[in-house]
């Protein structure tokens, strides 16, 4: 059956879809002057894990078809529209874990999700993953719509990236959501840039407005930022450069909540490529909002705020190796230094051709049952992906 979720945002959704349709029609009418590029992929991902809440084994199969439409209809205009169609099937859809995940606050201002089919263990959805237009005028660019505004330099954590934060323990680390926003950039020089972003909300407490200035100083790229992010004022900055043969980067942000004490979050990371096609990174993360007492963990609040982690001190590490021209291997890990628990994620990828890939991965969770990662259940993944 067809189901559409009604919300206060539905009027804005209809208006936005209308605008996107007009863009496509206008572009189609001028096919001689420009070309709409078509890209995307099809991915089938299978996941097996144990429900944290109910304790039984659960399965999920995700089939995603992503269509990317990209065009430059005029020399100063660029637009992109990414449409996802997903089919979810399996016993995980009937778990409390799934219900809780779906109940968490979404960051998008405009409701561009449609439920096409829903059943006990089947769900077919469609959404606009990206949908934006960019206008260039001299050194100035203005981007409007659902977009990725990537601030910060960290690998697993980005304290300054509060417009669209992501979970460092997510199954698909490369799938980073966007934000409905207006983003203005001005190239003040060859290596300096001024940016401003506004993400509207239903109330003043739900919106975000921020600015960022970046420049090249000595051997380092540096930036400073500040703004209002959904109830909190934040100031911070980041840097990226080299320390010998290794890359050195870091970022920090101080948050000033309305009714609580300010807190600091920062990362420091090293990465380097080695002989024999090895690459690795090591990153330390300090979470001033976290706690060193595992009895005080508040997982729901961490997910709701987009900070995701609950302790104070963490390490992230990754080692990537090209075993053969077609076979790649990697190990990704997160360590909670305060309670001694960890996530260990080995994976293999195999290229089946120029446009297809097979992947196998696991998330092993290590630690006592009352620790952040130790209370979670091992998860096993396999995927097949075709690009076009």
Protein backbone atom coordinates (compact mmCIF):
# COMPACT_ATOMS: atom_id res chain seq x y z
CA UNK A 1 0.00 0.00 0.00
CA UNK A 2 1.03 3.61 -0.47
CA UNK A 3 1.68 5.68 2.62
CA UNK A 4 2.76 9.30 2.94
CA UNK A 5 3.79 10.64 6.32
CA UNK A 6 2.02 13.90 7.13
CA UNK A 7 3.88 16.55 9.09
CA UNK A 8 3.98 20.33 9.54
CA UNK A 9 6.64 20.31 6.85
CA UNK A 10 4.45 18.77 4.14
CA UNK A 11 3.58 22.14 2.58
CA UNK A 12 7.25 23.00 2.20
CA UNK A 13 7.84 19.53 0.72
CA UNK A 14 5.28 20.11 -2.03
CA UNK A 15 6.74 23.51 -2.81
CA UNK A 16 10.25 22.13 -2.99
CA UNK A 17 9.25 19.27 -5.28
CA UNK A 18 7.58 21.82 -7.55
CA UNK A 19 10.75 23.91 -7.69
CA UNK A 20 12.86 20.85 -8.51
CA UNK A 21 10.42 19.89 -11.26
CA UNK A 22 10.66 23.37 -12.80
CA UNK A 23 14.47 23.14 -12.78
CA UNK A 24 14.36 19.81 -14.59
CA UNK A 25 11.84 21.02 -17.17
CA UNK A 26 13.79 24.19 -17.90
CA UNK A 27 16.97 22.20 -18.32
CA UNK A 28 15.28 19.70 -20.61
CA UNK A 29 14.01 22.50 -22.87
CA UNK A 30 17.57 23.70 -23.51
CA UNK A 31 19.16 20.34 -24.29
CA UNK A 32 21.28 21.85 -27.08
CA UNK A 33 22.99 24.31 -24.75
CA UNK A 34 23.70 21.85 -21.98
CA UNK A 35 23.66 18.19 -21.05
CA UNK A 36 22.24 16.49 -18.00
CA UNK A 37 24.78 13.96 -16.76
CA UNK A 38 23.38 10.77 -15.26
CA UNK A 39 25.31 8.85 -12.63
CA UNK A 40 24.51 6.68 -9.65
CA UNK A 41 24.67 3.17 -8.34
CA UNK A 42 22.72 0.12 -7.28
CA UNK A 43 23.68 -1.48 -3.98
CA UNK A 44 22.43 -4.55 -2.17
CA UNK A 45 23.53 -4.74 1.47
CA UNK A 46 22.82 -7.61 3.85
CA UNK A 47 23.21 -7.23 7.63
CA UNK A 48 22.96 -9.84 10.38
CA UNK A 49 23.11 -8.83 14.03
CA UNK A 50 21.48 -9.34 17.43
CA UNK A 51 18.97 -6.88 18.82
CA UNK A 52 20.49 -4.90 21.69
CA UNK A 53 17.08 -4.53 23.35
CA UNK A 54 15.37 -7.86 22.66
CA UNK A 55 18.41 -10.15 22.40
CA UNK A 56 17.35 -12.17 19.34
CA UNK A 57 19.03 -12.44 15.95
CA UNK A 58 17.78 -9.99 13.34
CA UNK A 59 18.37 -9.66 9.61
CA UNK A 60 18.09 -6.73 7.24
CA UNK A 61 18.46 -6.56 3.48
CA UNK A 62 18.77 -3.11 1.92
CA UNK A 63 18.54 -2.52 -1.83
CA UNK A 64 19.28 1.06 -2.85
CA UNK A 65 19.07 2.62 -6.30
CA UNK A 66 20.60 6.10 -6.36
CA UNK A 67 20.06 8.26 -9.43
CA UNK A 68 22.24 11.37 -9.74
CA UNK A 69 21.24 14.08 -12.19
CA UNK A 70 23.95 16.72 -12.63
CA UNK A 71 23.90 19.71 -14.97
CA UNK A 72 25.54 23.04 -15.80
CA UNK A 73 22.76 24.71 -17.83
CA UNK A 74 24.60 28.06 -17.81
CA UNK A 75 28.28 28.95 -17.28
CA UNK A 76 27.44 30.32 -13.83
CA UNK A 77 24.82 27.76 -12.80
CA UNK A 78 25.25 24.19 -11.52
CA UNK A 79 22.61 21.90 -10.05
CA UNK A 80 22.41 18.34 -8.74
CA UNK A 81 19.51 16.09 -7.81
CA UNK A 82 20.17 12.73 -6.10
CA UNK A 83 17.12 10.51 -5.67
CA UNK A 84 17.27 7.34 -3.56
CA UNK A 85 14.82 4.48 -3.88
CA UNK A 86 15.32 1.90 -1.11
CA UNK A 87 13.72 -1.44 -0.32
CA UNK A 88 14.22 -2.69 3.25
CA UNK A 89 13.32 -6.27 4.09
CA UNK A 90 13.86 -8.57 7.04
CA UNK A 91 13.09 -9.20 10.69
CA UNK A 92 15.03 -6.08 11.81
CA UNK A 93 12.06 -3.97 10.68
CA UNK A 94 9.95 -5.45 13.50
CA UNK A 95 12.54 -4.75 16.23
CA UNK A 96 12.49 -2.02 18.85
CA UNK A 97 15.96 -1.00 17.65
CA UNK A 98 14.45 0.00 14.30
CA UNK A 99 11.58 1.89 15.93
CA UNK A 100 13.92 3.87 18.20
CA UNK A 101 16.22 4.73 15.30
CA UNK A 102 13.29 6.05 13.26
CA UNK A 103 11.96 8.12 16.17
CA UNK A 104 15.13 10.19 16.52
CA UNK A 105 14.99 13.78 15.35
CA UNK A 106 15.83 14.22 11.66
CA UNK A 107 18.10 17.12 10.72
CA UNK A 108 16.37 17.93 7.43
CA UNK A 109 14.02 20.92 7.53
CA UNK A 110 12.00 19.87 4.50
CA UNK A 111 10.25 16.50 4.43
CA UNK A 112 11.37 14.85 1.19
CA UNK A 113 10.84 11.21 2.24
CA UNK A 114 8.05 9.08 0.82
CA UNK A 115 6.96 5.65 2.02
CA UNK A 116 5.79 3.73 -1.05
CA UNK A 117 5.18 0.30 0.51
CA UNK A 118 4.99 -0.78 4.12
CA UNK A 119 4.41 -4.22 5.60
CA UNK A 120 5.55 -6.29 8.57
CA UNK A 121 8.98 -7.08 7.13
CA UNK A 122 9.04 -4.94 4.00
CA UNK A 123 9.42 -1.21 3.49
CA UNK A 124 9.99 0.68 0.23
CA UNK A 125 10.97 4.33 0.50
CA UNK A 126 12.02 7.17 -1.73
CA UNK A 127 13.84 10.34 -0.76
CA UNK A 128 15.84 13.26 -2.08
CA UNK A 129 19.35 12.63 -0.73
CA UNK A 130 20.79 15.74 -2.38
CA UNK A 131 18.99 18.50 -4.22
CA UNK A 132 20.72 21.85 -4.67
CA UNK A 133 21.61 24.58 -7.13
CA UNK A 134 24.77 26.71 -7.14
CA UNK A 135 25.11 30.14 -8.72
CA UNK A 136 28.56 31.64 -9.30
CA UNK A 137 29.14 35.39 -9.56
CA UNK A 138 32.80 36.34 -9.72
CA UNK A 139 34.45 35.10 -6.52
CA UNK A 140 31.09 34.42 -4.85
CA UNK A 141 29.07 31.21 -4.89
CA UNK A 142 25.58 30.71 -3.48
CA UNK A 143 24.23 27.18 -2.98
CA UNK A 144 20.61 26.58 -2.05
CA UNK A 145 19.02 23.25 -1.16
CA UNK A 146 19.88 19.92 0.43
CA UNK A 147 23.67 19.80 0.39
CA UNK A 148 26.74 18.61 2.22
CA UNK A 149 28.61 21.45 3.96
CA UNK A 150 31.82 19.76 5.05
CA UNK A 151 33.63 21.72 7.75
CA UNK A 152 36.51 20.37 9.79
CA UNK A 153 39.50 18.13 9.17
CA UNK A 154 38.96 15.11 11.44
CA UNK A 155 38.59 11.56 10.16
CA UNK A 156 36.16 9.90 12.58
CA UNK A 157 34.99 13.00 14.47
CA UNK A 158 34.39 16.60 13.44
CA UNK A 159 33.65 18.90 16.39
CA UNK A 160 33.11 21.88 14.05
CA UNK A 161 30.83 20.02 11.62
CA UNK A 162 27.55 20.59 13.45
CA UNK A 163 25.39 21.29 10.38
CA UNK A 164 25.37 17.63 9.34
CA UNK A 165 27.11 15.43 11.93
CA UNK A 166 27.57 11.71 11.29
CA UNK A 167 28.04 8.61 13.39
CA UNK A 168 31.65 7.24 13.35
CA UNK A 169 30.22 3.75 14.04
CA UNK A 170 27.74 3.82 11.13
CA UNK A 171 27.49 0.79 8.86
CA UNK A 172 27.95 2.91 5.71
CA UNK A 173 30.60 5.45 6.69
CA UNK A 174 30.61 6.99 3.24
CA UNK A 175 26.89 7.83 3.34
CA UNK A 176 26.92 11.30 4.87
CA UNK A 177 23.59 13.08 4.98
CA UNK A 178 23.12 16.66 3.90
CA UNK A 179 21.37 19.66 5.38
CA UNK A 180 18.68 21.94 3.98
CA UNK A 181 20.52 25.24 3.89
CA UNK A 182 21.75 28.32 2.11
CA UNK A 183 25.53 28.33 1.79
CA UNK A 184 27.48 31.40 0.58
CA UNK A 185 31.19 31.29 -0.17
CA UNK A 186 33.59 34.08 -1.15
CA UNK A 187 37.15 33.46 -2.37
CA UNK A 188 38.99 36.32 -0.67
CA UNK A 189 42.34 35.19 -2.13
CA UNK A 190 44.14 32.27 -3.72
CA UNK A 191 44.22 30.37 -0.40
CA UNK A 192 41.60 32.15 1.70
CA UNK A 193 37.84 31.82 1.80
CA UNK A 194 34.89 33.24 3.73
CA UNK A 195 31.74 31.15 4.16
CA UNK A 196 28.34 31.60 5.75
CA UNK A 197 25.52 29.08 6.14
CA UNK A 198 21.93 29.24 7.25
CA UNK A 199 19.85 26.14 7.96
CA UNK A 200 16.22 27.07 8.77
CA UNK A 201 14.07 25.36 11.37
CA UNK A 202 10.48 25.33 12.51
CA UNK A 203 11.51 27.49 15.50
CA UNK A 204 14.54 29.59 16.36
CA UNK A 205 15.77 26.71 18.53
CA UNK A 206 15.84 24.38 15.52
CA UNK A 207 17.77 26.56 13.10
CA UNK A 208 21.49 27.03 12.57
CA UNK A 209 23.46 30.03 11.33
CA UNK A 210 27.25 30.03 11.14
CA UNK A 211 30.29 31.53 9.45
CA UNK A 212 33.77 30.23 8.68
CA UNK A 213 37.01 31.88 7.56
CA UNK A 214 39.88 29.82 6.16
CA UNK A 215 43.40 30.71 5.03
CA UNK A 216 46.85 29.25 4.41
CA UNK A 217 49.42 30.16 7.07
CA UNK A 218 52.97 28.89 6.63
CA UNK A 219 52.69 25.19 5.82
CA UNK A 220 49.18 24.79 7.22
CA UNK A 221 45.60 25.38 6.18
CA UNK A 222 43.76 26.95 9.12
CA UNK A 223 40.21 28.11 9.74
CA UNK A 224 38.00 29.66 12.39
CA UNK A 225 34.25 29.30 12.73
CA UNK A 226 31.37 30.30 14.94
CA UNK A 227 27.62 30.31 15.04
CA UNK A 228 24.35 29.23 16.53
CA UNK A 229 23.55 25.54 16.14
CA UNK A 230 20.11 24.42 17.33
CA UNK A 231 19.99 25.96 20.81
CA UNK A 232 23.75 26.34 21.36
CA UNK A 233 26.40 28.91 20.48
CA UNK A 234 29.67 27.40 19.22
CA UNK A 235 33.12 28.78 18.34
CA UNK A 236 36.01 26.74 17.01
CA UNK A 237 38.55 26.11 14.29
CA UNK A 238 40.71 23.52 12.54
CA UNK A 239 44.09 23.06 10.87
CA UNK A 240 45.71 20.64 8.42
CA UNK A 241 49.31 20.29 7.29
CA UNK A 242 52.33 18.04 7.57
CA UNK A 243 54.63 16.87 10.33
CA UNK A 244 57.57 15.30 8.54
CA UNK A 245 56.20 12.63 6.20
CA UNK A 246 52.89 12.42 8.04
CA UNK A 247 49.79 14.53 7.74
CA UNK A 248 48.87 16.40 10.91
CA UNK A 249 45.39 17.79 11.44
CA UNK A 250 43.08 18.79 14.23
CA UNK A 251 40.01 20.76 15.13
CA UNK A 252 38.32 22.07 18.24
CA UNK A 253 35.02 23.63 19.23
CA UNK A 254 33.69 25.17 22.44
CA UNK A 255 29.93 24.92 22.93
CA UNK A 256 27.99 27.35 25.13
CA UNK A 257 24.65 25.76 26.09
CA UNK A 258 21.90 28.08 27.26
CA UNK A 259 21.48 26.63 30.75
CA UNK A 260 24.66 24.59 31.29
CA UNK A 261 28.41 25.12 31.51
CA UNK A 262 30.46 25.43 28.30
CA UNK A 263 32.31 22.33 27.13
CA UNK A 264 35.21 21.62 24.76
CA UNK A 265 35.49 18.99 22.03
CA UNK A 266 38.66 18.51 19.98
CA UNK A 267 40.53 16.03 17.79
CA UNK A 268 44.18 15.56 16.85
CA UNK A 269 45.07 13.15 14.04
CA UNK A 270 48.06 11.78 12.13
CA UNK A 271 47.88 9.94 8.81
CA UNK A 272 50.52 8.56 6.49
CA UNK A 273 51.05 6.40 3.44
CA UNK A 274 53.70 3.68 3.75
CA UNK A 275 55.59 1.39 1.41
CA UNK A 276 53.83 -1.61 -0.14
CA UNK A 277 50.52 0.25 -0.50
CA UNK A 278 49.78 0.68 3.20
CA UNK A 279 47.90 3.68 4.55
CA UNK A 280 46.85 4.43 8.11
CA UNK A 281 45.55 7.09 10.44
CA UNK A 282 45.35 7.56 14.20
CA UNK A 283 43.02 10.08 15.82
CA UNK A 284 42.41 11.14 19.43
CA UNK A 285 39.05 12.65 20.35
CA UNK A 286 38.18 14.55 23.53
CA UNK A 287 34.46 14.87 24.19
CA UNK A 288 33.91 17.44 26.92
CA UNK A 289 30.21 16.61 27.08
CA UNK A 290 30.99 12.97 27.85
CA UNK A 291 31.73 11.27 31.14
CA UNK A 292 34.37 8.91 32.49
CA UNK A 293 31.72 7.13 34.60
CA UNK A 294 29.97 4.44 32.54
CA UNK A 295 27.02 4.46 34.96
CA UNK A 296 26.16 7.96 33.74
CA UNK A 297 26.04 7.18 30.01
CA UNK A 298 23.06 8.74 28.21
CA UNK A 299 22.90 7.06 24.80
CA UNK A 300 19.60 8.55 23.71
CA UNK A 301 20.78 12.10 24.38
CA UNK A 302 24.01 11.45 22.47
CA UNK A 303 22.06 10.25 19.42
CA UNK A 304 19.54 13.07 19.66
CA UNK A 305 22.19 15.78 19.76
CA UNK A 306 24.25 14.23 16.97
CA UNK A 307 27.34 13.76 19.16
CA UNK A 308 26.80 9.97 19.17
CA UNK A 309 29.48 9.06 21.74
CA UNK A 310 28.97 9.19 25.50
CA UNK A 311 32.44 8.92 27.10
CA UNK A 312 35.17 11.53 27.24
CA UNK A 313 38.28 10.04 25.61
CA UNK A 314 38.48 8.06 22.37
CA UNK A 315 40.88 6.77 19.76
CA UNK A 316 40.16 5.95 16.13
CA UNK A 317 42.55 3.94 13.99
CA UNK A 318 42.49 2.60 10.48
CA UNK A 319 44.91 0.58 8.34
CA UNK A 320 44.23 0.15 4.62
CA UNK A 321 46.16 -2.18 2.30
CA UNK A 322 45.94 -2.91 -1.43
CA UNK A 323 46.56 -6.66 -1.42
CA UNK A 324 46.27 -6.94 -5.21
CA UNK A 325 45.08 -4.50 -7.91
CA UNK A 326 41.59 -5.95 -7.39
CA UNK A 327 41.56 -6.87 -3.68
CA UNK A 328 41.66 -4.35 -0.84
CA UNK A 329 41.73 -4.98 2.91
CA UNK A 330 41.24 -2.63 5.84
CA UNK A 331 40.75 -2.56 9.59
CA UNK A 332 38.85 0.27 11.23
CA UNK A 333 38.65 0.65 14.98
CA UNK A 334 37.14 2.89 17.67
CA UNK A 335 38.37 2.68 21.27
CA UNK A 336 36.64 4.09 24.33
CA UNK A 337 39.68 4.83 26.47
CA UNK A 338 37.63 5.48 29.61
CA UNK A 339 35.79 2.14 29.87
CA UNK A 340 38.16 -0.03 27.79
CA UNK A 341 35.62 -1.09 25.17
CA UNK A 342 36.19 -1.03 21.43
CA UNK A 343 34.74 -1.53 17.98
CA UNK A 344 36.91 -3.51 15.56
CA UNK A 345 35.84 -3.52 11.91
CA UNK A 346 37.88 -5.59 9.42
CA UNK A 347 36.70 -5.53 5.81
CA UNK A 348 37.54 -6.81 2.33
CA UNK A 349 36.59 -5.30 -1.03
CA UNK A 350 36.99 -6.99 -4.40
CA UNK A 351 36.62 -5.25 -7.75
CA UNK A 352 34.48 -7.34 -10.09
CA UNK A 353 35.05 -4.93 -12.98
CA UNK A 354 35.37 -1.27 -13.82
CA UNK A 355 31.96 -0.48 -12.35
CA UNK A 356 31.20 -3.14 -9.75
CA UNK A 357 32.44 -4.13 -6.31
CA UNK A 358 31.88 -6.86 -3.74
CA UNK A 359 32.46 -6.19 -0.04
CA UNK A 360 32.53 -8.18 3.20
CA UNK A 361 32.84 -6.65 6.66
CA UNK A 362 32.18 -7.23 10.34
CA UNK A 363 31.84 -5.08 13.42
CA UNK A 364 33.24 -6.88 16.45
CA UNK A 365 32.40 -5.22 19.78
CA UNK A 366 34.83 -5.80 22.63
CA UNK A 367 34.34 -5.01 26.31
CA UNK A 368 32.27 -5.76 29.37
CA UNK A 369 28.50 -5.80 29.13
CA UNK A 370 28.06 -2.42 30.83
CA UNK A 371 30.50 -0.53 28.56
CA UNK A 372 29.70 1.58 25.49
CA UNK A 373 30.80 -0.91 22.83
CA UNK A 374 30.79 -4.05 24.95
CA UNK A 375 26.99 -4.01 25.32
CA UNK A 376 26.51 -4.08 21.54
CA UNK A 377 26.25 -7.23 19.44
CA UNK A 378 28.57 -8.27 16.63
CA UNK A 379 27.30 -7.36 13.17
CA UNK A 380 28.12 -8.96 9.81
CA UNK A 381 27.77 -7.21 6.45
CA UNK A 382 28.02 -8.14 2.79
CA UNK A 383 27.26 -5.95 -0.20
CA UNK A 384 27.31 -5.92 -3.97
CA UNK A 385 27.46 -2.54 -5.71
CA UNK A 386 27.22 -1.48 -9.36
CA UNK A 387 28.07 2.05 -10.54
CA UNK A 388 26.98 3.84 -13.68
